[in-house]
Amino acid sequence: MAEPVTASEALAHFEGFMATEPEKLREELPVIREFLEAYGLDQPLADLDGEFVTSYVREVSPENPSDLEGLRAFLAYCSRLAFTSNNLVPYLQLGPTAGGARAGGAAAELGGKAFYVTLDGLRRLEAQLEEEKGKRPDIAQKLREAMADKDFRENAPLDAARDEQAHLEMRIRDLESKLRSAVIIDEEAKAGRANVGSVVKLMNLKTNGEQEFTLVPQNEVDPKSGRISIDSPVGMAVINHGPGEEVTVNAPSGPIRFKIVDVKG
């Protein structure tokens, strides 16, 4: 089983994630740190619950709800990486977006398409990103050496260095994009909750009819085989929920209430 992440470890992880937006991080970090200090920096983040989040917000009573946007981003990030047991963003009660979080989960809260990855895979991505960034000084040196030749018209080393730099930056941007949209899907992190790869059985609370399906990424959808997208109305309703919980599916015909009967995988 994965080791629980403490509040301070989660904060350090989030700071690394936000390193490409230093100004935004400086603005949001004090609010996040105050919240975590109130909770306990050495406490396992998996024990953080909605009741604490709601009571904290009531105690702080921010004049402007937007002052807690940084905390919203942090909690969504922690939910997405399974640092918390579930998505705690709705408990901030910041308005319409919180409702969206209930429907879409942390992936929707952060925006963009989710990149599903195991916890080990996430760490490999982070290591790969650091390795690629470490190549920048060498390429910069190659550029300086090539530019020492003032004849740029037929400077093959300069062209080669520029191409190498362009490909490196493209790989870095791709890795950063994947990390920004990463969603943990390993079995231990799911802890019985529905996510990609899960076989979910639902019961319609109005008709008592049951249906079973497998949640998959968009590129693996096959309705005939019962494989539906995690981004579908049903997928967004059940993600991060477990057996016994009731969810609302925002179908084209209107909202439909279901009870989750079982989740496998």
C-alpha atoms as a PDB file:
ATOM      1  CA  MET A   1       0.000   0.000   0.000  1.00  0.00           C
ATOM      2  CA  ALA A   2       1.247   3.499  -0.837  1.00  0.00           C
ATOM      3  CA  GLU A   3       2.721   5.478   2.038  1.00  0.00           C
ATOM      4  CA  PRO A   4       0.390   8.258   3.278  1.00  0.00           C
ATOM      5  CA  VAL A   5       1.453  11.755   2.309  1.00  0.00           C
ATOM      6  CA  THR A   6       1.681  14.371   5.062  1.00  0.00           C
ATOM      7  CA  ALA A   7       0.308  17.869   4.614  1.00  0.00           C
ATOM      8  CA  SER A   8       3.810  19.343   4.359  1.00  0.00           C
ATOM      9  CA  GLU A   9       4.842  16.750   1.744  1.00  0.00           C
ATOM     10  CA  ALA A  10       1.742  17.509  -0.302  1.00  0.00           C
ATOM     11  CA  LEU A  11       2.525  21.215  -0.102  1.00  0.00           C
ATOM     12  CA  ALA A  12       6.086  20.636  -1.321  1.00  0.00           C
ATOM     13  CA  HIS A  13       4.720  18.532  -4.168  1.00  0.00           C
ATOM     14  CA  PHE A  14       2.258  21.290  -5.119  1.00  0.00           C
ATOM     15  CA  GLU A  15       5.014  23.919  -5.030  1.00  0.00           C
ATOM     16  CA  GLY A  16       6.986  21.837  -7.512  1.00  0.00           C
ATOM     17  CA  PHE A  17       3.929  21.528  -9.712  1.00  0.00           C
ATOM     18  CA  MET A  18       3.431  25.319  -9.658  1.00  0.00           C
ATOM     19  CA  ALA A  19       7.101  26.125 -10.256  1.00  0.00           C
ATOM     20  CA  THR A  20       6.325  27.288 -13.794  1.00  0.00           C
ATOM     21  CA  GLU A  21       3.951  29.943 -12.393  1.00  0.00           C
ATOM     22  CA  PRO A  22       6.028  31.545  -9.618  1.00  0.00           C
ATOM     23  CA  GLU A  23       3.939  34.723  -9.306  1.00  0.00           C
ATOM     24  CA  LYS A  24       0.713  32.781  -8.913  1.00  0.00           C
ATOM     25  CA  LEU A  25       2.395  30.472  -6.398  1.00  0.00           C
ATOM     26  CA  ARG A  26       3.649  33.404  -4.292  1.00  0.00           C
ATOM     27  CA  GLU A  27       0.143  34.824  -4.234  1.00  0.00           C
ATOM     28  CA  GLU A  28      -1.611  31.587  -3.275  1.00  0.00           C
ATOM     29  CA  LEU A  29       0.967  29.933  -1.023  1.00  0.00           C
ATOM     30  CA  PRO A  30       0.234  31.906   2.200  1.00  0.00           C
ATOM     31  CA  VAL A  31      -3.457  30.920   2.129  1.00  0.00           C
ATOM     32  CA  ILE A  32      -2.628  27.265   1.533  1.00  0.00           C
ATOM     33  CA  ARG A  33       0.065  27.232   4.225  1.00  0.00           C
ATOM     34  CA  GLU A  34      -2.256  28.813   6.828  1.00  0.00           C
ATOM     35  CA  PHE A  35      -4.866  26.162   6.082  1.00  0.00           C
ATOM     36  CA  LEU A  36      -2.363  23.312   6.410  1.00  0.00           C
ATOM     37  CA  GLU A  37      -0.876  24.736   9.594  1.00  0.00           C
ATOM     38  CA  ALA A  38      -4.375  24.807  11.076  1.00  0.00           C
ATOM     39  CA  TYR A  39      -4.819  21.180  10.053  1.00  0.00           C
ATOM     40  CA  GLY A  40      -1.310  20.083  11.048  1.00  0.00           C
ATOM     41  CA  LEU A  41       1.668  19.938   8.714  1.00  0.00           C
ATOM     42  CA  ASP A  42       2.711  16.497   9.984  1.00  0.00           C
ATOM     43  CA  GLN A  43      -0.779  15.014   9.698  1.00  0.00           C
ATOM     44  CA  PRO A  44      -1.567  12.498   6.907  1.00  0.00           C
ATOM     45  CA  LEU A  45      -3.523  14.340   4.248  1.00  0.00           C
ATOM     46  CA  ALA A  46      -5.670  11.248   3.711  1.00  0.00           C
ATOM     47  CA  ASP A  47      -7.293  11.998   7.091  1.00  0.00           C
ATOM     48  CA  LEU A  48      -8.393  15.472   5.998  1.00  0.00           C
ATOM     49  CA  ASP A  49     -12.188  15.532   5.633  1.00  0.00           C
ATOM     50  CA  GLY A  50     -14.900  17.829   4.370  1.00  0.00           C
ATOM     51  CA  GLU A  51     -16.072  18.783   7.853  1.00  0.00           C
ATOM     52  CA  PHE A  52     -12.677  20.291   8.678  1.00  0.00           C
ATOM     53  CA  VAL A  53     -12.565  22.170   5.353  1.00  0.00           C
ATOM     54  CA  THR A  54     -16.031  23.661   5.837  1.00  0.00           C
ATOM     55  CA  SER A  55     -15.440  24.638   9.494  1.00  0.00           C
ATOM     56  CA  TYR A  56     -12.106  26.242   8.558  1.00  0.00           C
ATOM     57  CA  VAL A  57     -13.719  28.370   5.850  1.00  0.00           C
ATOM     58  CA  ARG A  58     -16.457  29.468   8.256  1.00  0.00           C
ATOM     59  CA  GLU A  59     -13.863  30.441  10.840  1.00  0.00           C
ATOM     60  CA  VAL A  60     -11.734  32.372   8.367  1.00  0.00           C
ATOM     61  CA  SER A  61     -14.785  33.972   6.735  1.00  0.00           C
ATOM     62  CA  PRO A  62     -12.986  35.582   3.761  1.00  0.00           C
ATOM     63  CA  GLU A  63     -14.533  38.824   2.551  1.00  0.00           C
ATOM     64  CA  ASN A  64     -13.955  37.753  -1.029  1.00  0.00           C
ATOM     65  CA  PRO A  65     -14.422  34.046  -1.886  1.00  0.00           C
ATOM     66  CA  SER A  66     -11.791  34.415  -4.600  1.00  0.00           C
ATOM     67  CA  ASP A  67      -9.239  34.676  -1.784  1.00  0.00           C
ATOM     68  CA  LEU A  68      -9.606  30.909  -1.430  1.00  0.00           C
ATOM     69  CA  GLU A  69      -9.020  30.101  -5.100  1.00  0.00           C
ATOM     70  CA  GLY A  70      -5.479  28.997  -4.277  1.00  0.00           C
ATOM     71  CA  LEU A  71      -6.829  26.579  -1.684  1.00  0.00           C
ATOM     72  CA  ARG A  72      -9.324  25.310  -4.248  1.00  0.00           C
ATOM     73  CA  ALA A  73      -6.474  24.559  -6.673  1.00  0.00           C
ATOM     74  CA  PHE A  74      -4.454  22.822  -3.941  1.00  0.00           C
ATOM     75  CA  LEU A  75      -7.317  20.599  -2.802  1.00  0.00           C
ATOM     76  CA  ALA A  76      -8.185  19.693  -6.388  1.00  0.00           C
ATOM     77  CA  TYR A  77      -4.551  18.821  -7.034  1.00  0.00           C
ATOM     78  CA  CYS A  78      -4.403  16.632  -3.921  1.00  0.00           C
ATOM     79  CA  SER A  79      -7.602  14.832  -4.885  1.00  0.00           C
ATOM     80  CA  ARG A  80      -6.352  14.241  -8.399  1.00  0.00           C
ATOM     81  CA  LEU A  81      -3.180  12.607  -7.069  1.00  0.00           C
ATOM     82  CA  ALA A  82      -5.108  10.680  -4.388  1.00  0.00           C
ATOM     83  CA  PHE A  83      -3.333  12.488  -1.534  1.00  0.00           C
ATOM     84  CA  THR A  84      -6.804  13.034  -0.020  1.00  0.00           C
ATOM     85  CA  SER A  85      -9.437  10.336   0.276  1.00  0.00           C
ATOM     86  CA  ASN A  86     -11.860  12.219  -1.975  1.00  0.00           C
ATOM     87  CA  ASN A  87     -12.419  15.540  -3.708  1.00  0.00           C
ATOM     88  CA  LEU A  88     -12.763  18.136  -0.943  1.00  0.00           C
ATOM     89  CA  VAL A  89     -13.248  21.162  -3.199  1.00  0.00           C
ATOM     90  CA  PRO A  90     -17.071  21.215  -2.856  1.00  0.00           C
ATOM     91  CA  TYR A  91     -16.689  21.663   0.915  1.00  0.00           C
ATOM     92  CA  LEU A  92     -15.131  25.084   0.314  1.00  0.00           C
ATOM     93  CA  GLN A  93     -18.630  26.147  -0.770  1.00  0.00           C
ATOM     94  CA  LEU A  94     -17.292  28.764  -3.158  1.00  0.00           C
ATOM     95  CA  GLY A  95     -20.276  28.851  -5.472  1.00  0.00           C
ATOM     96  CA  PRO A  96     -21.190  27.345  -8.848  1.00  0.00           C
ATOM     97  CA  THR A  97     -17.752  25.915  -9.537  1.00  0.00           C
ATOM     98  CA  ALA A  98     -18.019  23.738  -6.447  1.00  0.00           C
ATOM     99  CA  GLY A  99     -21.091  22.113  -7.978  1.00  0.00           C
ATOM    100  CA  GLY A 100     -19.066  21.430 -11.065  1.00  0.00           C
ATOM    101  CA  ALA A 101     -16.490  19.726  -8.915  1.00  0.00           C
ATOM    102  CA  ARG A 102     -19.133  17.329  -7.629  1.00  0.00           C
ATOM    103  CA  ALA A 103     -20.010  16.403 -11.150  1.00  0.00           C
ATOM    104  CA  GLY A 104     -16.564  16.267 -12.669  1.00  0.00           C
ATOM    105  CA  GLY A 105     -14.179  15.494  -9.867  1.00  0.00           C
ATOM    106  CA  ALA A 106     -10.704  16.944  -9.462  1.00  0.00           C
ATOM    107  CA  ALA A 107      -9.735  16.466 -13.088  1.00  0.00           C
ATOM    108  CA  ALA A 108     -12.574  18.734 -14.187  1.00  0.00           C
ATOM    109  CA  GLU A 109     -11.798  21.151 -11.353  1.00  0.00           C
ATOM    110  CA  LEU A 110      -8.320  21.731 -12.759  1.00  0.00           C
ATOM    111  CA  GLY A 111      -9.530  21.877 -16.344  1.00  0.00           C
ATOM    112  CA  GLY A 112      -8.235  20.147 -19.457  1.00  0.00           C
ATOM    113  CA  LYS A 113      -8.085  16.480 -20.389  1.00  0.00           C
ATOM    114  CA  ALA A 114      -6.891  14.081 -17.745  1.00  0.00           C
ATOM    115  CA  PHE A 115      -3.692  12.088 -18.255  1.00  0.00           C
ATOM    116  CA  TYR A 116      -4.179   8.854 -16.326  1.00  0.00           C
ATOM    117  CA  VAL A 117      -1.040   7.490 -14.714  1.00  0.00           C
ATOM    118  CA  THR A 118       0.035   5.277 -11.823  1.00  0.00           C
ATOM    119  CA  LEU A 119       1.810   6.753  -8.814  1.00  0.00           C
ATOM    120  CA  ASP A 120       5.079   5.168  -9.963  1.00  0.00           C
ATOM    121  CA  GLY A 121       4.438   6.496 -13.444  1.00  0.00           C
ATOM    122  CA  LEU A 122       3.955   9.975 -12.047  1.00  0.00           C
ATOM    123  CA  ARG A 123       7.312   9.806 -10.307  1.00  0.00           C
ATOM    124  CA  ARG A 124       8.960   8.607 -13.514  1.00  0.00           C
ATOM    125  CA  LEU A 125       7.454  11.545 -15.381  1.00  0.00           C
ATOM    126  CA  GLU A 126       8.806  13.951 -12.767  1.00  0.00           C
ATOM    127  CA  ALA A 127      12.268  12.395 -12.975  1.00  0.00           C
ATOM    128  CA  GLN A 128      12.182  12.487 -16.763  1.00  0.00           C
ATOM    129  CA  LEU A 129      11.198  16.152 -16.712  1.00  0.00           C
ATOM    130  CA  GLU A 130      14.120  17.016 -14.436  1.00  0.00           C
ATOM    131  CA  GLU A 131      16.463  15.032 -16.690  1.00  0.00           C
ATOM    132  CA  GLU A 132      15.270  16.874 -19.797  1.00  0.00           C
ATOM    133  CA  LYS A 133      15.580  20.270 -18.099  1.00  0.00           C
ATOM    134  CA  GLY A 134      19.111  19.336 -17.111  1.00  0.00           C
ATOM    135  CA  LYS A 135      20.045  19.196 -20.801  1.00  0.00           C
ATOM    136  CA  ARG A 136      19.362  22.898 -21.312  1.00  0.00           C
ATOM    137  CA  PRO A 137      22.843  24.170 -20.257  1.00  0.00           C
ATOM    138  CA  ASP A 138      24.588  21.798 -22.706  1.00  0.00           C
ATOM    139  CA  ILE A 139      22.445  22.961 -25.601  1.00  0.00           C
ATOM    140  CA  ALA A 140      22.952  26.586 -24.623  1.00  0.00           C
ATOM    141  CA  GLN A 141      26.695  25.990 -24.738  1.00  0.00           C
ATOM    142  CA  LYS A 142      26.398  24.423 -28.194  1.00  0.00           C
ATOM    143  CA  LEU A 143      24.469  27.464 -29.387  1.00  0.00           C
ATOM    144  CA  ARG A 144      27.121  29.856 -28.045  1.00  0.00           C
ATOM    145  CA  GLU A 145      29.893  27.897 -29.709  1.00  0.00           C
ATOM    146  CA  ALA A 146      28.048  27.696 -33.023  1.00  0.00           C
ATOM    147  CA  MET A 147      27.195  31.403 -32.964  1.00  0.00           C
ATOM    148  CA  ALA A 148      30.862  32.227 -32.573  1.00  0.00           C
ATOM    149  CA  ASP A 149      31.014  31.592 -36.322  1.00  0.00           C
ATOM    150  CA  LYS A 150      29.707  34.880 -37.706  1.00  0.00           C
ATOM    151  CA  ASP A 151      28.696  33.350 -41.039  1.00  0.00           C
ATOM    152  CA  PHE A 152      25.134  32.274 -40.232  1.00  0.00           C
ATOM    153  CA  ARG A 153      24.224  31.522 -43.841  1.00  0.00           C
ATOM    154  CA  GLU A 154      25.754  28.052 -43.879  1.00  0.00           C
ATOM    155  CA  ASN A 155      26.266  27.239 -40.235  1.00  0.00           C
ATOM    156  CA  ALA A 156      25.331  23.566 -39.902  1.00  0.00           C
ATOM    157  CA  PRO A 157      26.302  23.323 -36.187  1.00  0.00           C
ATOM    158  CA  LEU A 158      24.055  26.305 -35.383  1.00  0.00           C
ATOM    159  CA  ASP A 159      21.113  24.799 -37.282  1.00  0.00           C
ATOM    160  CA  ALA A 160      21.657  21.466 -35.536  1.00  0.00           C
ATOM    161  CA  ALA A 161      21.822  23.117 -32.103  1.00  0.00           C
ATOM    162  CA  ARG A 162      18.638  25.088 -32.773  1.00  0.00           C
ATOM    163  CA  ASP A 163      16.828  21.932 -33.897  1.00  0.00           C
ATOM    164  CA  GLU A 164      18.035  20.094 -30.792  1.00  0.00           C
ATOM    165  CA  GLN A 165      16.857  22.950 -28.592  1.00  0.00           C
ATOM    166  CA  ALA A 166      13.426  23.019 -30.278  1.00  0.00           C
ATOM    167  CA  HIS A 167      12.945  19.270 -29.824  1.00  0.00           C
ATOM    168  CA  LEU A 168      14.071  19.456 -26.186  1.00  0.00           C
ATOM    169  CA  GLU A 169      11.641  22.270 -25.362  1.00  0.00           C
ATOM    170  CA  MET A 170       8.847  20.341 -27.091  1.00  0.00           C
ATOM    171  CA  ARG A 171       9.565  17.284 -24.913  1.00  0.00           C
ATOM    172  CA  ILE A 172       9.640  19.470 -21.794  1.00  0.00           C
ATOM    173  CA  ARG A 173       6.308  21.094 -22.660  1.00  0.00           C
ATOM    174  CA  ASP A 174       4.757  17.677 -23.289  1.00  0.00           C
ATOM    175  CA  LEU A 175       5.960  16.332 -19.943  1.00  0.00           C
ATOM    176  CA  GLU A 176       4.770  19.457 -18.107  1.00  0.00           C
ATOM    177  CA  SER A 177       1.371  19.157 -19.779  1.00  0.00           C
ATOM    178  CA  LYS A 178       1.051  15.525 -18.708  1.00  0.00           C
ATOM    179  CA  LEU A 179       2.015  16.371 -15.128  1.00  0.00           C
ATOM    180  CA  ARG A 180      -0.500  19.225 -15.013  1.00  0.00           C
ATOM    181  CA  SER A 181      -3.320  16.877 -16.019  1.00  0.00           C
ATOM    182  CA  ALA A 182      -2.099  13.695 -14.287  1.00  0.00           C
ATOM    183  CA  VAL A 183      -4.701  11.610 -12.455  1.00  0.00           C
ATOM    184  CA  ILE A 184      -3.584   8.694 -10.281  1.00  0.00           C
ATOM    185  CA  ILE A 185      -5.307   5.422 -11.223  1.00  0.00           C
ATOM    186  CA  ASP A 186      -3.345   2.716  -9.395  1.00  0.00           C
ATOM    187  CA  GLU A 187      -5.439   0.197  -7.463  1.00  0.00           C
ATOM    188  CA  GLU A 188      -4.169   1.260  -4.035  1.00  0.00           C
ATOM    189  CA  ALA A 189      -4.939   4.934  -4.679  1.00  0.00           C
ATOM    190  CA  LYS A 190      -8.438   4.162  -5.935  1.00  0.00           C
ATOM    191  CA  ALA A 191      -9.288   2.476  -2.625  1.00  0.00           C
ATOM    192  CA  GLY A 192     -12.496   0.994  -4.008  1.00  0.00           C
ATOM    193  CA  ARG A 193     -13.640   4.218  -5.656  1.00  0.00           C
ATOM    194  CA  ALA A 194     -14.624   4.392  -9.326  1.00  0.00           C
ATOM    195  CA  ASN A 195     -11.968   5.575 -11.751  1.00  0.00           C
ATOM    196  CA  VAL A 196     -10.443   4.560 -15.060  1.00  0.00           C
ATOM    197  CA  GLY A 197     -10.443   0.786 -15.430  1.00  0.00           C
ATOM    198  CA  SER A 198     -13.182   0.279 -12.842  1.00  0.00           C
ATOM    199  CA  VAL A 199     -16.199  -1.926 -13.543  1.00  0.00           C
ATOM    200  CA  VAL A 200     -19.161  -0.064 -12.023  1.00  0.00           C
ATOM    201  CA  LYS A 201     -22.664  -1.369 -11.354  1.00  0.00           C
ATOM    202  CA  LEU A 202     -25.411   1.246 -10.931  1.00  0.00           C
ATOM    203  CA  MET A 203     -29.045   1.036  -9.876  1.00  0.00           C
ATOM    204  CA  ASN A 204     -31.546   3.591 -11.166  1.00  0.00           C
ATOM    205  CA  LEU A 205     -33.298   4.830  -8.016  1.00  0.00           C
ATOM    206  CA  LYS A 206     -36.515   5.511  -9.941  1.00  0.00           C
ATOM    207  CA  THR A 207     -36.848   2.276 -11.919  1.00  0.00           C
ATOM    208  CA  ASN A 208     -34.615  -0.012  -9.798  1.00  0.00           C
ATOM    209  CA  GLY A 209     -33.016  -1.162 -13.050  1.00  0.00           C
ATOM    210  CA  GLU A 210     -29.318  -2.031 -12.922  1.00  0.00           C
ATOM    211  CA  GLN A 211     -26.553  -1.521 -15.455  1.00  0.00           C
ATOM    212  CA  GLU A 212     -22.854  -2.331 -15.473  1.00  0.00           C
ATOM    213  CA  PHE A 213     -20.053  -0.706 -17.435  1.00  0.00           C
ATOM    214  CA  THR A 214     -16.298  -0.168 -17.516  1.00  0.00           C
ATOM    215  CA  LEU A 215     -14.804   3.332 -17.256  1.00  0.00           C
ATOM    216  CA  VAL A 216     -12.147   3.969 -19.886  1.00  0.00           C
ATOM    217  CA  PRO A 217     -10.311   6.918 -21.500  1.00  0.00           C
ATOM    218  CA  GLN A 218     -12.028   8.503 -24.492  1.00  0.00           C
ATOM    219  CA  ASN A 219      -9.843   6.652 -27.003  1.00  0.00           C
ATOM    220  CA  GLU A 220     -10.947   3.250 -25.638  1.00  0.00           C
ATOM    221  CA  VAL A 221     -14.721   3.806 -25.692  1.00  0.00           C
ATOM    222  CA  ASP A 222     -16.796   0.895 -27.021  1.00  0.00           C
ATOM    223  CA  PRO A 223     -20.496   1.150 -26.061  1.00  0.00           C
ATOM    224  CA  LYS A 224     -21.243  -2.328 -27.433  1.00  0.00           C
ATOM    225  CA  SER A 225     -18.804  -3.790 -24.911  1.00  0.00           C
ATOM    226  CA  GLY A 226     -20.046  -1.578 -22.092  1.00  0.00           C
ATOM    227  CA  ARG A 227     -16.925   0.580 -22.142  1.00  0.00           C
ATOM    228  CA  ILE A 228     -17.853   4.220 -21.525  1.00  0.00           C
ATOM    229  CA  SER A 229     -15.723   7.344 -21.259  1.00  0.00           C
ATOM    230  CA  ILE A 230     -14.629   8.705 -17.899  1.00  0.00           C
ATOM    231  CA  ASP A 231     -15.591  12.098 -19.386  1.00  0.00           C
ATOM    232  CA  SER A 232     -19.185  11.037 -20.149  1.00  0.00           C
ATOM    233  CA  PRO A 233     -22.045  12.266 -17.894  1.00  0.00           C
ATOM    234  CA  VAL A 234     -22.110   8.885 -16.137  1.00  0.00           C
ATOM    235  CA  GLY A 235     -18.324   8.766 -15.816  1.00  0.00           C
ATOM    236  CA  MET A 236     -18.125  12.259 -14.354  1.00  0.00           C
ATOM    237  CA  ALA A 237     -20.908  11.464 -11.885  1.00  0.00           C
ATOM    238  CA  VAL A 238     -19.374   8.289 -10.460  1.00  0.00           C
ATOM    239  CA  ILE A 239     -15.659   9.149 -10.502  1.00  0.00           C
ATOM    240  CA  ASN A 240     -14.107   8.935  -7.018  1.00  0.00           C
ATOM    241  CA  HIS A 241     -17.336   7.501  -5.552  1.00  0.00           C
ATOM    242  CA  GLY A 242     -17.770   4.039  -4.078  1.00  0.00           C
ATOM    243  CA  PRO A 243     -20.419   1.371  -3.345  1.00  0.00           C
ATOM    244  CA  GLY A 244     -23.456   2.594  -1.441  1.00  0.00           C
ATOM    245  CA  GLU A 245     -23.101   6.212  -2.550  1.00  0.00           C
ATOM    246  CA  GLU A 246     -25.801   7.992  -4.536  1.00  0.00           C
ATOM    247  CA  VAL A 247     -24.889  10.134  -7.536  1.00  0.00           C
ATOM    248  CA  THR A 248     -26.699  12.327 -10.045  1.00  0.00           C
ATOM    249  CA  VAL A 249     -26.100  11.844 -13.750  1.00  0.00           C
ATOM    250  CA  ASN A 250     -26.776  14.980 -15.770  1.00  0.00           C
ATOM    251  CA  ALA A 251     -28.293  13.236 -18.783  1.00  0.00           C
ATOM    252  CA  PRO A 252     -29.631  15.126 -21.849  1.00  0.00           C
ATOM    253  CA  SER A 253     -33.171  14.250 -20.701  1.00  0.00           C
ATOM    254  CA  GLY A 254     -32.508  15.671 -17.255  1.00  0.00           C
ATOM    255  CA  PRO A 255     -30.848  14.610 -13.965  1.00  0.00           C
ATOM    256  CA  ILE A 256     -31.124  10.938 -13.007  1.00  0.00           C
ATOM    257  CA  ARG A 257     -30.312   9.594  -9.540  1.00  0.00           C
ATOM    258  CA  PHE A 258     -28.349   6.355  -9.241  1.00  0.00           C
ATOM    259  CA  LYS A 259     -26.971   4.288  -6.403  1.00  0.00           C
ATOM    260  CA  ILE A 260     -23.559   2.692  -6.854  1.00  0.00           C
ATOM    261  CA  VAL A 261     -24.052  -1.008  -6.183  1.00  0.00           C
ATOM    262  CA  ASP A 262     -20.511  -2.232  -6.789  1.00  0.00           C
ATOM    263  CA  VAL A 263     -17.083  -1.082  -7.989  1.00  0.00           C
ATOM    264  CA  LYS A 264     -14.438  -3.565  -9.147  1.00  0.00           C
ATOM    265  CA  GLY A 265     -10.889  -2.589 -10.028  1.00  0.00           C
END
